[in-house]
């Protein structure tokens, strides 16, 4: 069962006004919690997409490299290299 955490976020001024325009009868969200959850989901998706794109770019570079540039690596070497990244 997923754990629920209650968080308090304080916003004021222009940020508060912006949130208010997006919540309620005239906004896209029924309440502030729904809005914040959607923002977090979108940020999580963005982060995962960026990680995937970095991996894809690294694989594209690897497949484009000449075969002579390849060298055997042990699992320990791969792990050590990835810890540095």
C-alpha atoms as a PDB file:
ATOM      1  CA  UNK A   1       0.000   0.000   0.000  1.00  0.00           C
ATOM      2  CA  UNK A   2       1.513   3.376  -0.995  1.00  0.00           C
ATOM      3  CA  UNK A   3       2.541   5.690   1.784  1.00  0.00           C
ATOM      4  CA  UNK A   4       0.810   9.079   2.001  1.00  0.00           C
ATOM      5  CA  UNK A   5       2.780  12.103   3.138  1.00  0.00           C
ATOM      6  CA  UNK A   6       1.240  15.412   4.089  1.00  0.00           C
ATOM      7  CA  UNK A   7       3.297  18.437   3.078  1.00  0.00           C
ATOM      8  CA  UNK A   8       2.821  22.127   3.628  1.00  0.00           C
ATOM      9  CA  UNK A   9       3.797  24.510   0.858  1.00  0.00           C
ATOM     10  CA  UNK A  10       3.700  28.279   1.227  1.00  0.00           C
ATOM     11  CA  UNK A  11       3.410  30.534  -1.796  1.00  0.00           C
ATOM     12  CA  UNK A  12       2.677  34.215  -1.910  1.00  0.00           C
ATOM     13  CA  UNK A  13       2.379  37.083  -4.318  1.00  0.00           C
ATOM     14  CA  UNK A  14       2.447  36.299  -8.003  1.00  0.00           C
ATOM     15  CA  UNK A  15       2.842  32.556  -7.406  1.00  0.00           C
ATOM     16  CA  UNK A  16      -0.219  32.461  -5.163  1.00  0.00           C
ATOM     17  CA  UNK A  17      -2.234  34.415  -7.722  1.00  0.00           C
ATOM     18  CA  UNK A  18      -1.101  32.082 -10.481  1.00  0.00           C
ATOM     19  CA  UNK A  19      -2.174  29.024  -8.475  1.00  0.00           C
ATOM     20  CA  UNK A  20      -5.537  30.645  -7.747  1.00  0.00           C
ATOM     21  CA  UNK A  21      -6.189  31.160 -11.466  1.00  0.00           C
ATOM     22  CA  UNK A  22      -5.607  27.444 -12.095  1.00  0.00           C
ATOM     23  CA  UNK A  23      -7.816  26.153  -9.266  1.00  0.00           C
ATOM     24  CA  UNK A  24     -11.559  26.306  -8.732  1.00  0.00           C
ATOM     25  CA  UNK A  25     -14.554  26.919 -10.967  1.00  0.00           C
ATOM     26  CA  UNK A  26     -12.551  28.820 -13.617  1.00  0.00           C
ATOM     27  CA  UNK A  27      -9.349  26.775 -13.381  1.00  0.00           C
ATOM     28  CA  UNK A  28      -8.199  23.414 -14.685  1.00  0.00           C
ATOM     29  CA  UNK A  29      -7.981  21.836 -11.220  1.00  0.00           C
ATOM     30  CA  UNK A  30     -10.603  21.284  -8.546  1.00  0.00           C
ATOM     31  CA  UNK A  31      -8.228  22.034  -5.665  1.00  0.00           C
ATOM     32  CA  UNK A  32      -4.632  22.968  -4.904  1.00  0.00           C
ATOM     33  CA  UNK A  33      -3.664  19.412  -3.926  1.00  0.00           C
ATOM     34  CA  UNK A  34      -4.777  18.099  -7.314  1.00  0.00           C
ATOM     35  CA  UNK A  35      -2.753  20.846  -9.021  1.00  0.00           C
ATOM     36  CA  UNK A  36       0.398  20.108  -7.004  1.00  0.00           C
ATOM     37  CA  UNK A  37       0.108  16.342  -7.594  1.00  0.00           C
ATOM     38  CA  UNK A  38      -0.171  16.971 -11.343  1.00  0.00           C
ATOM     39  CA  UNK A  39       2.885  19.249 -11.291  1.00  0.00           C
ATOM     40  CA  UNK A  40       4.878  16.590  -9.428  1.00  0.00           C
ATOM     41  CA  UNK A  41       3.780  13.863 -11.868  1.00  0.00           C
ATOM     42  CA  UNK A  42       4.771  16.007 -14.843  1.00  0.00           C
ATOM     43  CA  UNK A  43       8.154  16.801 -13.285  1.00  0.00           C
ATOM     44  CA  UNK A  44       8.725  13.089 -12.596  1.00  0.00           C
ATOM     45  CA  UNK A  45       7.861  12.258 -16.220  1.00  0.00           C
ATOM     46  CA  UNK A  46      10.224  15.014 -17.441  1.00  0.00           C
ATOM     47  CA  UNK A  47      13.023  13.673 -15.257  1.00  0.00           C
ATOM     48  CA  UNK A  48      12.480  10.107 -16.497  1.00  0.00           C
ATOM     49  CA  UNK A  49      12.341  11.311 -20.120  1.00  0.00           C
ATOM     50  CA  UNK A  50      15.632  13.196 -19.683  1.00  0.00           C
ATOM     51  CA  UNK A  51      17.290  10.110 -18.161  1.00  0.00           C
ATOM     52  CA  UNK A  52      16.032   7.983 -21.057  1.00  0.00           C
ATOM     53  CA  UNK A  53      17.295  10.532 -23.600  1.00  0.00           C
ATOM     54  CA  UNK A  54      20.742  10.574 -21.950  1.00  0.00           C
ATOM     55  CA  UNK A  55      20.887   6.778 -22.116  1.00  0.00           C
ATOM     56  CA  UNK A  56      19.700   6.777 -25.726  1.00  0.00           C
ATOM     57  CA  UNK A  57      22.340   9.359 -26.686  1.00  0.00           C
ATOM     58  CA  UNK A  58      25.068   7.308 -25.019  1.00  0.00           C
ATOM     59  CA  UNK A  59      23.931   4.159 -26.809  1.00  0.00           C
ATOM     60  CA  UNK A  60      23.845   6.008 -30.144  1.00  0.00           C
ATOM     61  CA  UNK A  61      27.437   7.192 -29.579  1.00  0.00           C
ATOM     62  CA  UNK A  62      28.506   3.658 -28.661  1.00  0.00           C
ATOM     63  CA  UNK A  63      26.901   2.099 -31.737  1.00  0.00           C
ATOM     64  CA  UNK A  64      28.383   4.801 -33.984  1.00  0.00           C
ATOM     65  CA  UNK A  65      31.932   4.231 -32.690  1.00  0.00           C
ATOM     66  CA  UNK A  66      34.269   2.181 -34.861  1.00  0.00           C
ATOM     67  CA  UNK A  67      34.543  -1.417 -33.747  1.00  0.00           C
ATOM     68  CA  UNK A  68      38.299  -1.006 -33.172  1.00  0.00           C
ATOM     69  CA  UNK A  69      37.536   1.430 -30.335  1.00  0.00           C
ATOM     70  CA  UNK A  70      35.733  -1.230 -28.316  1.00  0.00           C
ATOM     71  CA  UNK A  71      37.587  -2.970 -25.529  1.00  0.00           C
ATOM     72  CA  UNK A  72      36.509  -5.652 -23.083  1.00  0.00           C
ATOM     73  CA  UNK A  73      35.438  -4.450 -19.627  1.00  0.00           C
ATOM     74  CA  UNK A  74      34.804  -6.353 -16.455  1.00  0.00           C
ATOM     75  CA  UNK A  75      31.569  -5.814 -14.531  1.00  0.00           C
ATOM     76  CA  UNK A  76      33.585  -4.079 -11.793  1.00  0.00           C
ATOM     77  CA  UNK A  77      35.013  -1.613 -14.347  1.00  0.00           C
ATOM     78  CA  UNK A  78      31.551  -0.798 -15.687  1.00  0.00           C
ATOM     79  CA  UNK A  79      30.197  -0.271 -12.168  1.00  0.00           C
ATOM     80  CA  UNK A  80      33.148   1.957 -11.219  1.00  0.00           C
ATOM     81  CA  UNK A  81      32.765   4.021 -14.410  1.00  0.00           C
ATOM     82  CA  UNK A  82      29.044   4.503 -13.840  1.00  0.00           C
ATOM     83  CA  UNK A  83      29.598   5.641 -10.244  1.00  0.00           C
ATOM     84  CA  UNK A  84      31.758   8.493 -11.568  1.00  0.00           C
ATOM     85  CA  UNK A  85      29.032   9.696 -13.964  1.00  0.00           C
END
